[in-house]
Structures are given as C-alpha cells and as structure tokens.
Amino acid sequence: MTTDVTLAERAAEIRQAVTRLGRRMRAGRSSEALSSNKVSVLSHLLRHGPATPGELAAAERQQPQSLTRVFAELELAGLVSRSRDDRDRRQSLLAITDHGRDALARDMAERDAWLAVALAGLTETERDVLRLAASLMERIDEAAENSK
C-alpha cells in the first residue's frame, strides 16, 4: 500500500510540475502564436501524415464538431489542405502544407527559445536530468498510445 501512495504522490508532483511549466510556456507566447488546438492538429499531421477530421478529433480526445472551426481556420490560412479520402469518398483528409510546417516550426522555435533561456539557469547535470525525464515522458506517452 505504501508503494501505491508513493506512486500516486509522485504522479501528482509530476502532473503539477508539467501543468505549471506548460501554462508558463503558453503564457510567454506572442499574440500571433497558433492556438493550442491548432498546434496539436498540425503536430499530429506532421508526425502521422494525413488524417480525417474524425481521426484527428479522436487523437485529441475531442468531438469532431469541437474542432470544425479549427480545421476551417487552418485551411483558410493555408496551413492544411483538404482532399477526398480514397478509402471513403464521403470523408475528407486533412494534410499539413509547407506553409503549415513553417508556421508550426516558428511556433515551436518561440517556445524553444523561452525554454532555452530558462534552462540556462540550471547546471549541466540538471539539464541532463530534464533530458532524461523528457525521454521517459515520451516512453510513457508511446506506451499509452500503443495501448489504445
């Protein structure tokens, strides 16, 4: 039982720290930055390739209707393209465009610059620990993705 409590306490500490850091990174973004939903959609398309609106919504754990405006805005801005799905002609496929890749890269560079300044105040050992923690968080995410 002690192990469960300890794991739960550690999980809460990690969740709180990740949440606060994420909030701080979002707060430091410029007013021209992409919304979190747009970044999520573009990132998914960059990593996984073209997807239907339903697939994207499922990946983001949202209802497709909740992202309809986001998809339309991304398409209007030329950040994604829409085409017919060859598997199901009733569906459309969204794909990231070169302009979308550039916009996503600029958005990420802004966050990376903020984080680089924050990391400069840490020792090399502390930065190595965070790099290890990032690797472990990726493993946790991949395991959760694979267990769907």
N, C-alpha and C. Protein backbone atom coordinates (compact mmCIF):
# COMPACT_ATOMS: atom_id res chain seq x y z
N MET A 1 0.82 -1.20 0.00
CA MET A 1 0.00 0.00 0.00
C MET A 1 0.86 1.26 0.00
N THR A 2 1.97 1.22 0.71
CA THR A 2 2.86 2.38 0.76
C THR A 2 3.37 2.73 -0.63
N THR A 3 3.68 1.71 -1.43
CA THR A 3 4.17 1.95 -2.78
C THR A 3 3.11 2.65 -3.61
N ASP A 4 1.85 2.24 -3.51
CA ASP A 4 0.77 2.88 -4.26
C ASP A 4 0.63 4.34 -3.87
N VAL A 5 0.70 4.62 -2.58
CA VAL A 5 0.60 6.01 -2.12
C VAL A 5 1.79 6.80 -2.63
N THR A 6 2.97 6.24 -2.55
CA THR A 6 4.16 6.91 -3.02
C THR A 6 4.07 7.18 -4.52
N LEU A 7 3.64 6.18 -5.29
CA LEU A 7 3.48 6.37 -6.73
C LEU A 7 2.44 7.44 -7.03
N ALA A 8 1.34 7.42 -6.30
CA ALA A 8 0.30 8.43 -6.50
C ALA A 8 0.82 9.82 -6.15
N GLU A 9 1.58 9.91 -5.09
CA GLU A 9 2.15 11.21 -4.70
C GLU A 9 3.14 11.69 -5.76
N ARG A 10 3.98 10.79 -6.25
CA ARG A 10 4.95 11.17 -7.29
C ARG A 10 4.22 11.58 -8.57
N ALA A 11 3.19 10.83 -8.90
CA ALA A 11 2.42 11.16 -10.10
C ALA A 11 1.82 12.55 -9.98
N ALA A 12 1.29 12.88 -8.81
CA ALA A 12 0.71 14.21 -8.60
C ALA A 12 1.77 15.30 -8.71
N GLU A 13 2.94 15.06 -8.15
CA GLU A 13 4.03 16.04 -8.24
C GLU A 13 4.42 16.29 -9.70
N ILE A 14 4.57 15.21 -10.45
CA ILE A 14 4.96 15.33 -11.86
C ILE A 14 3.87 16.04 -12.65
N ARG A 15 2.61 15.62 -12.45
CA ARG A 15 1.50 16.27 -13.16
C ARG A 15 1.46 17.76 -12.87
N GLN A 16 1.60 18.13 -11.61
CA GLN A 16 1.55 19.55 -11.25
C GLN A 16 2.69 20.33 -11.90
N ALA A 17 3.89 19.77 -11.88
CA ALA A 17 5.04 20.46 -12.47
C ALA A 17 4.89 20.61 -13.98
N VAL A 18 4.45 19.53 -14.64
CA VAL A 18 4.26 19.58 -16.09
C VAL A 18 3.17 20.59 -16.45
N THR A 19 2.09 20.59 -15.68
CA THR A 19 0.99 21.53 -15.92
C THR A 19 1.46 22.98 -15.76
N ARG A 20 2.17 23.25 -14.67
CA ARG A 20 2.66 24.62 -14.44
C ARG A 20 3.63 25.06 -15.53
N LEU A 21 4.55 24.17 -15.92
CA LEU A 21 5.51 24.52 -16.96
C LEU A 21 4.79 24.76 -18.29
N GLY A 22 3.84 23.90 -18.62
CA GLY A 22 3.08 24.09 -19.85
C GLY A 22 2.32 25.41 -19.84
N ARG A 23 1.72 25.73 -18.72
CA ARG A 23 0.99 27.00 -18.59
C ARG A 23 1.95 28.19 -18.76
N ARG A 24 3.12 28.10 -18.14
CA ARG A 24 4.11 29.17 -18.24
C ARG A 24 4.59 29.34 -19.69
N MET A 25 4.80 28.23 -20.37
CA MET A 25 5.25 28.30 -21.77
C MET A 25 4.17 28.91 -22.67
N ARG A 26 2.91 28.56 -22.42
CA ARG A 26 1.82 29.14 -23.22
C ARG A 26 1.68 30.63 -22.94
N ALA A 27 1.85 31.02 -21.68
CA ALA A 27 1.68 32.43 -21.30
C ALA A 27 2.76 33.31 -21.93
N GLY A 28 3.92 32.73 -22.20
CA GLY A 28 5.02 33.52 -22.76
C GLY A 28 5.00 33.63 -24.27
N ARG A 29 3.99 33.07 -24.91
CA ARG A 29 3.92 33.10 -26.37
C ARG A 29 3.41 34.44 -26.86
N SER A 30 3.78 34.78 -28.08
CA SER A 30 3.33 36.03 -28.67
C SER A 30 1.84 35.95 -29.00
N SER A 31 1.24 37.11 -29.22
CA SER A 31 -0.19 37.15 -29.53
C SER A 31 -0.48 36.56 -30.92
N GLU A 32 0.53 36.45 -31.77
CA GLU A 32 0.36 35.89 -33.11
C GLU A 32 0.54 34.37 -33.13
N ALA A 33 0.87 33.79 -31.99
CA ALA A 33 1.13 32.35 -31.93
C ALA A 33 -0.14 31.56 -32.25
N LEU A 34 0.06 30.37 -32.72
CA LEU A 34 -1.06 29.47 -33.00
C LEU A 34 -1.73 29.04 -31.70
N SER A 35 -3.02 28.77 -31.76
CA SER A 35 -3.73 28.25 -30.57
C SER A 35 -3.24 26.84 -30.26
N SER A 36 -3.47 26.41 -29.05
CA SER A 36 -3.06 25.06 -28.65
C SER A 36 -3.70 24.00 -29.52
N ASN A 37 -4.98 24.16 -29.85
CA ASN A 37 -5.66 23.20 -30.73
C ASN A 37 -5.02 23.16 -32.11
N LYS A 38 -4.66 24.32 -32.64
CA LYS A 38 -4.03 24.35 -33.97
C LYS A 38 -2.66 23.69 -33.94
N VAL A 39 -1.90 23.96 -32.89
CA VAL A 39 -0.59 23.32 -32.75
C VAL A 39 -0.75 21.81 -32.66
N SER A 40 -1.72 21.35 -31.89
CA SER A 40 -1.96 19.92 -31.73
C SER A 40 -2.32 19.26 -33.06
N VAL A 41 -3.21 19.89 -33.81
CA VAL A 41 -3.63 19.33 -35.10
C VAL A 41 -2.45 19.30 -36.06
N LEU A 42 -1.73 20.41 -36.18
CA LEU A 42 -0.60 20.46 -37.10
C LEU A 42 0.49 19.47 -36.69
N SER A 43 0.75 19.36 -35.40
CA SER A 43 1.77 18.42 -34.92
C SER A 43 1.37 16.99 -35.25
N HIS A 44 0.10 16.66 -35.04
CA HIS A 44 -0.38 15.31 -35.36
C HIS A 44 -0.20 15.03 -36.85
N LEU A 45 -0.59 15.97 -37.70
CA LEU A 45 -0.46 15.77 -39.14
C LEU A 45 1.00 15.66 -39.56
N LEU A 46 1.86 16.41 -38.92
CA LEU A 46 3.29 16.34 -39.24
C LEU A 46 3.86 14.97 -38.87
N ARG A 47 3.49 14.47 -37.68
CA ARG A 47 4.02 13.19 -37.20
C ARG A 47 3.40 11.98 -37.89
N HIS A 48 2.08 12.03 -38.15
CA HIS A 48 1.36 10.83 -38.60
C HIS A 48 0.87 10.91 -40.04
N GLY A 49 0.99 12.04 -40.68
CA GLY A 49 0.51 12.17 -42.05
C GLY A 49 -0.96 12.54 -42.10
N PRO A 50 -1.52 12.57 -43.32
CA PRO A 50 -2.93 12.98 -43.50
C PRO A 50 -3.88 12.15 -42.64
N ALA A 51 -4.95 12.81 -42.20
CA ALA A 51 -5.95 12.16 -41.34
C ALA A 51 -7.31 12.77 -41.59
N THR A 52 -8.34 12.01 -41.29
CA THR A 52 -9.70 12.53 -41.39
C THR A 52 -9.96 13.42 -40.18
N PRO A 53 -10.93 14.31 -40.28
CA PRO A 53 -11.30 15.11 -39.10
C PRO A 53 -11.64 14.23 -37.89
N GLY A 54 -12.33 13.12 -38.12
CA GLY A 54 -12.67 12.22 -37.02
C GLY A 54 -11.45 11.60 -36.37
N GLU A 55 -10.48 11.20 -37.19
CA GLU A 55 -9.25 10.64 -36.64
C GLU A 55 -8.49 11.67 -35.81
N LEU A 56 -8.44 12.89 -36.32
CA LEU A 56 -7.76 13.96 -35.58
C LEU A 56 -8.45 14.25 -34.26
N ALA A 57 -9.77 14.33 -34.31
CA ALA A 57 -10.54 14.59 -33.09
C ALA A 57 -10.32 13.48 -32.07
N ALA A 58 -10.33 12.23 -32.53
CA ALA A 58 -10.11 11.11 -31.63
C ALA A 58 -8.72 11.17 -31.01
N ALA A 59 -7.73 11.52 -31.81
CA ALA A 59 -6.36 11.62 -31.31
C ALA A 59 -6.24 12.71 -30.26
N GLU A 60 -7.02 13.77 -30.41
CA GLU A 60 -7.00 14.89 -29.46
C GLU A 60 -8.04 14.71 -28.35
N ARG A 61 -8.74 13.59 -28.38
CA ARG A 61 -9.77 13.28 -27.39
C ARG A 61 -10.84 14.39 -27.33
N GLN A 62 -11.28 14.79 -28.52
CA GLN A 62 -12.32 15.80 -28.64
C GLN A 62 -13.37 15.29 -29.63
N GLN A 63 -14.51 15.94 -29.64
CA GLN A 63 -15.54 15.63 -30.62
C GLN A 63 -15.18 16.34 -31.92
N PRO A 64 -15.44 15.72 -33.08
CA PRO A 64 -15.11 16.37 -34.35
C PRO A 64 -15.73 17.76 -34.47
N GLN A 65 -16.96 17.93 -33.94
CA GLN A 65 -17.63 19.23 -34.03
C GLN A 65 -16.84 20.31 -33.27
N SER A 66 -16.13 19.90 -32.23
CA SER A 66 -15.35 20.86 -31.43
C SER A 66 -14.17 21.41 -32.20
N LEU A 67 -13.73 20.68 -33.22
CA LEU A 67 -12.56 21.12 -33.99
C LEU A 67 -12.92 21.64 -35.37
N THR A 68 -14.20 21.65 -35.72
CA THR A 68 -14.62 22.08 -37.05
C THR A 68 -14.08 23.47 -37.39
N ARG A 69 -14.22 24.41 -36.46
CA ARG A 69 -13.74 25.77 -36.70
C ARG A 69 -12.22 25.80 -36.82
N VAL A 70 -11.54 25.02 -35.99
CA VAL A 70 -10.07 24.96 -36.06
C VAL A 70 -9.64 24.45 -37.43
N PHE A 71 -10.27 23.38 -37.92
CA PHE A 71 -9.93 22.84 -39.24
C PHE A 71 -10.17 23.89 -40.32
N ALA A 72 -11.31 24.58 -40.25
CA ALA A 72 -11.64 25.59 -41.26
C ALA A 72 -10.63 26.74 -41.23
N GLU A 73 -10.25 27.19 -40.04
CA GLU A 73 -9.28 28.28 -39.93
C GLU A 73 -7.91 27.86 -40.45
N LEU A 74 -7.51 26.63 -40.14
CA LEU A 74 -6.23 26.14 -40.65
C LEU A 74 -6.24 26.05 -42.17
N GLU A 75 -7.35 25.60 -42.72
CA GLU A 75 -7.46 25.51 -44.18
C GLU A 75 -7.47 26.89 -44.81
N LEU A 76 -8.23 27.82 -44.23
CA LEU A 76 -8.31 29.18 -44.75
C LEU A 76 -6.94 29.86 -44.73
N ALA A 77 -6.15 29.58 -43.71
CA ALA A 77 -4.81 30.17 -43.59
C ALA A 77 -3.78 29.46 -44.46
N GLY A 78 -4.19 28.38 -45.11
CA GLY A 78 -3.27 27.64 -45.97
C GLY A 78 -2.31 26.74 -45.20
N LEU A 79 -2.65 26.44 -43.95
CA LEU A 79 -1.77 25.61 -43.12
C LEU A 79 -2.06 24.12 -43.30
N VAL A 80 -3.28 23.81 -43.74
CA VAL A 80 -3.64 22.44 -44.09
C VAL A 80 -4.37 22.46 -45.42
N SER A 81 -4.33 21.33 -46.10
CA SER A 81 -5.12 21.16 -47.32
C SER A 81 -6.15 20.07 -47.06
N ARG A 82 -7.23 20.12 -47.80
CA ARG A 82 -8.31 19.14 -47.63
C ARG A 82 -8.52 18.45 -48.98
N SER A 83 -8.62 17.13 -48.93
CA SER A 83 -8.90 16.34 -50.14
C SER A 83 -9.84 15.20 -49.78
N ARG A 84 -10.34 14.51 -50.79
CA ARG A 84 -11.22 13.37 -50.56
C ARG A 84 -10.40 12.17 -50.11
N ASP A 85 -10.95 11.42 -49.19
CA ASP A 85 -10.32 10.20 -48.70
C ASP A 85 -10.58 9.09 -49.71
N ASP A 86 -9.53 8.48 -50.25
CA ASP A 86 -9.69 7.41 -51.22
C ASP A 86 -10.35 6.18 -50.62
N ARG A 87 -10.21 5.97 -49.31
CA ARG A 87 -10.81 4.81 -48.64
C ARG A 87 -12.32 4.99 -48.48
N ASP A 88 -12.75 6.24 -48.24
CA ASP A 88 -14.16 6.53 -48.02
C ASP A 88 -14.43 7.90 -48.63
N ARG A 89 -14.99 7.92 -49.82
CA ARG A 89 -15.18 9.17 -50.58
C ARG A 89 -16.08 10.18 -49.85
N ARG A 90 -16.81 9.74 -48.82
CA ARG A 90 -17.64 10.67 -48.05
C ARG A 90 -16.81 11.50 -47.09
N GLN A 91 -15.61 11.00 -46.80
CA GLN A 91 -14.72 11.65 -45.83
C GLN A 91 -13.73 12.57 -46.53
N SER A 92 -13.23 13.54 -45.77
CA SER A 92 -12.13 14.34 -46.29
C SER A 92 -10.88 14.02 -45.48
N LEU A 93 -9.76 14.26 -46.11
CA LEU A 93 -8.46 14.09 -45.46
C LEU A 93 -7.81 15.45 -45.31
N LEU A 94 -7.27 15.70 -44.15
CA LEU A 94 -6.52 16.92 -43.91
C LEU A 94 -5.04 16.57 -43.93
N ALA A 95 -4.25 17.42 -44.56
CA ALA A 95 -2.80 17.22 -44.61
C ALA A 95 -2.12 18.55 -44.34
N ILE A 96 -0.99 18.52 -43.66
CA ILE A 96 -0.25 19.74 -43.39
C ILE A 96 0.43 20.21 -44.68
N THR A 97 0.43 21.51 -44.91
CA THR A 97 1.07 22.09 -46.09
C THR A 97 2.48 22.56 -45.70
N ASP A 98 3.24 22.96 -46.71
CA ASP A 98 4.56 23.53 -46.43
C ASP A 98 4.42 24.78 -45.55
N HIS A 99 3.41 25.57 -45.84
CA HIS A 99 3.15 26.78 -45.03
C HIS A 99 2.81 26.38 -43.58
N GLY A 100 2.07 25.29 -43.42
CA GLY A 100 1.74 24.79 -42.09
C GLY A 100 2.98 24.31 -41.36
N ARG A 101 3.88 23.63 -42.07
CA ARG A 101 5.14 23.18 -41.46
C ARG A 101 5.95 24.38 -40.97
N ASP A 102 6.01 25.41 -41.81
CA ASP A 102 6.76 26.62 -41.44
C ASP A 102 6.15 27.30 -40.23
N ALA A 103 4.82 27.42 -40.21
CA ALA A 103 4.13 28.07 -39.09
C ALA A 103 4.35 27.29 -37.81
N LEU A 104 4.28 25.96 -37.89
CA LEU A 104 4.50 25.13 -36.72
C LEU A 104 5.94 25.26 -36.24
N ALA A 105 6.88 25.28 -37.15
CA ALA A 105 8.30 25.42 -36.79
C ALA A 105 8.54 26.76 -36.09
N ARG A 106 7.93 27.83 -36.61
CA ARG A 106 8.08 29.15 -35.96
C ARG A 106 7.49 29.14 -34.56
N ASP A 107 6.33 28.53 -34.42
CA ASP A 107 5.68 28.46 -33.12
C ASP A 107 6.53 27.67 -32.13
N MET A 108 7.05 26.55 -32.56
CA MET A 108 7.90 25.73 -31.68
C MET A 108 9.21 26.45 -31.35
N ALA A 109 9.76 27.16 -32.32
CA ALA A 109 11.02 27.89 -32.08
C ALA A 109 10.83 28.95 -31.00
N GLU A 110 9.66 29.58 -30.99
CA GLU A 110 9.36 30.58 -29.97
C GLU A 110 9.35 29.94 -28.58
N ARG A 111 8.71 28.80 -28.46
CA ARG A 111 8.68 28.10 -27.17
C ARG A 111 10.06 27.59 -26.79
N ASP A 112 10.78 27.05 -27.78
CA ASP A 112 12.12 26.53 -27.51
C ASP A 112 13.05 27.64 -27.04
N ALA A 113 12.92 28.83 -27.61
CA ALA A 113 13.76 29.96 -27.20
C ALA A 113 13.48 30.32 -25.74
N TRP A 114 12.19 30.35 -25.37
CA TRP A 114 11.84 30.65 -23.98
C TRP A 114 12.44 29.61 -23.06
N LEU A 115 12.29 28.33 -23.42
CA LEU A 115 12.78 27.26 -22.57
C LEU A 115 14.31 27.26 -22.49
N ALA A 116 14.98 27.60 -23.58
CA ALA A 116 16.45 27.66 -23.57
C ALA A 116 16.94 28.70 -22.57
N VAL A 117 16.27 29.83 -22.50
CA VAL A 117 16.63 30.86 -21.53
C VAL A 117 16.44 30.32 -20.11
N ALA A 118 15.32 29.63 -19.89
CA ALA A 118 15.05 29.06 -18.57
C ALA A 118 16.09 27.99 -18.21
N LEU A 119 16.47 27.18 -19.18
CA LEU A 119 17.43 26.11 -18.93
C LEU A 119 18.83 26.66 -18.65
N ALA A 120 19.12 27.85 -19.14
CA ALA A 120 20.45 28.44 -18.93
C ALA A 120 20.73 28.65 -17.44
N GLY A 121 19.70 28.77 -16.64
CA GLY A 121 19.88 28.96 -15.20
C GLY A 121 20.12 27.67 -14.43
N LEU A 122 20.16 26.55 -15.13
CA LEU A 122 20.39 25.25 -14.49
C LEU A 122 21.81 24.76 -14.76
N THR A 123 22.24 23.83 -13.94
CA THR A 123 23.55 23.23 -14.17
C THR A 123 23.44 22.23 -15.32
N GLU A 124 24.59 21.80 -15.83
CA GLU A 124 24.61 20.79 -16.89
C GLU A 124 23.97 19.49 -16.40
N THR A 125 24.25 19.12 -15.18
CA THR A 125 23.66 17.90 -14.61
C THR A 125 22.14 18.03 -14.53
N GLU A 126 21.64 19.18 -14.10
CA GLU A 126 20.20 19.39 -14.03
C GLU A 126 19.57 19.33 -15.43
N ARG A 127 20.25 19.88 -16.42
CA ARG A 127 19.74 19.81 -17.80
C ARG A 127 19.72 18.36 -18.28
N ASP A 128 20.74 17.57 -17.91
CA ASP A 128 20.77 16.16 -18.28
C ASP A 128 19.62 15.40 -17.63
N VAL A 129 19.32 15.72 -16.38
CA VAL A 129 18.20 15.07 -15.68
C VAL A 129 16.89 15.40 -16.41
N LEU A 130 16.72 16.64 -16.81
CA LEU A 130 15.50 17.01 -17.53
C LEU A 130 15.42 16.33 -18.89
N ARG A 131 16.55 16.19 -19.56
CA ARG A 131 16.55 15.49 -20.85
C ARG A 131 16.15 14.02 -20.65
N LEU A 132 16.64 13.40 -19.58
CA LEU A 132 16.24 12.03 -19.26
C LEU A 132 14.75 11.98 -18.94
N ALA A 133 14.27 12.94 -18.16
CA ALA A 133 12.84 12.99 -17.82
C ALA A 133 12.00 13.14 -19.09
N ALA A 134 12.44 13.96 -20.02
CA ALA A 134 11.71 14.13 -21.28
C ALA A 134 11.64 12.81 -22.04
N SER A 135 12.74 12.08 -22.06
CA SER A 135 12.77 10.78 -22.72
C SER A 135 11.79 9.81 -22.06
N LEU A 136 11.76 9.82 -20.75
CA LEU A 136 10.84 8.94 -20.03
C LEU A 136 9.39 9.33 -20.28
N MET A 137 9.10 10.63 -20.33
CA MET A 137 7.73 11.06 -20.62
C MET A 137 7.32 10.64 -22.02
N GLU A 138 8.25 10.67 -22.98
CA GLU A 138 7.96 10.18 -24.33
C GLU A 138 7.61 8.69 -24.29
N ARG A 139 8.36 7.92 -23.51
CA ARG A 139 8.07 6.48 -23.38
C ARG A 139 6.69 6.25 -22.79
N ILE A 140 6.33 7.02 -21.78
CA ILE A 140 5.01 6.89 -21.17
C ILE A 140 3.93 7.21 -22.20
N ASP A 141 4.14 8.27 -22.98
CA ASP A 141 3.17 8.66 -24.00
C ASP A 141 3.05 7.58 -25.07
N GLU A 142 4.17 7.05 -25.53
CA GLU A 142 4.14 5.99 -26.54
C GLU A 142 3.44 4.75 -26.02
N ALA A 143 3.70 4.39 -24.78
CA ALA A 143 3.04 3.22 -24.19
C ALA A 143 1.53 3.43 -24.12
N ALA A 144 1.12 4.63 -23.75
CA ALA A 144 -0.32 4.93 -23.68
C ALA A 144 -0.91 4.90 -25.09
N GLU A 145 -0.19 5.42 -26.07
CA GLU A 145 -0.66 5.43 -27.45
C GLU A 145 -0.81 4.01 -27.98
N ASN A 146 0.15 3.16 -27.67
CA ASN A 146 0.12 1.78 -28.14
C ASN A 146 -0.91 0.91 -27.43
N SER A 147 -1.37 1.35 -26.27
CA SER A 147 -2.36 0.54 -25.53
C SER A 147 -3.79 0.88 -25.91
N LYS A 148 -3.98 1.81 -26.83
CA LYS A 148 -5.34 2.18 -27.26
C LYS A 148 -5.99 1.05 -28.00
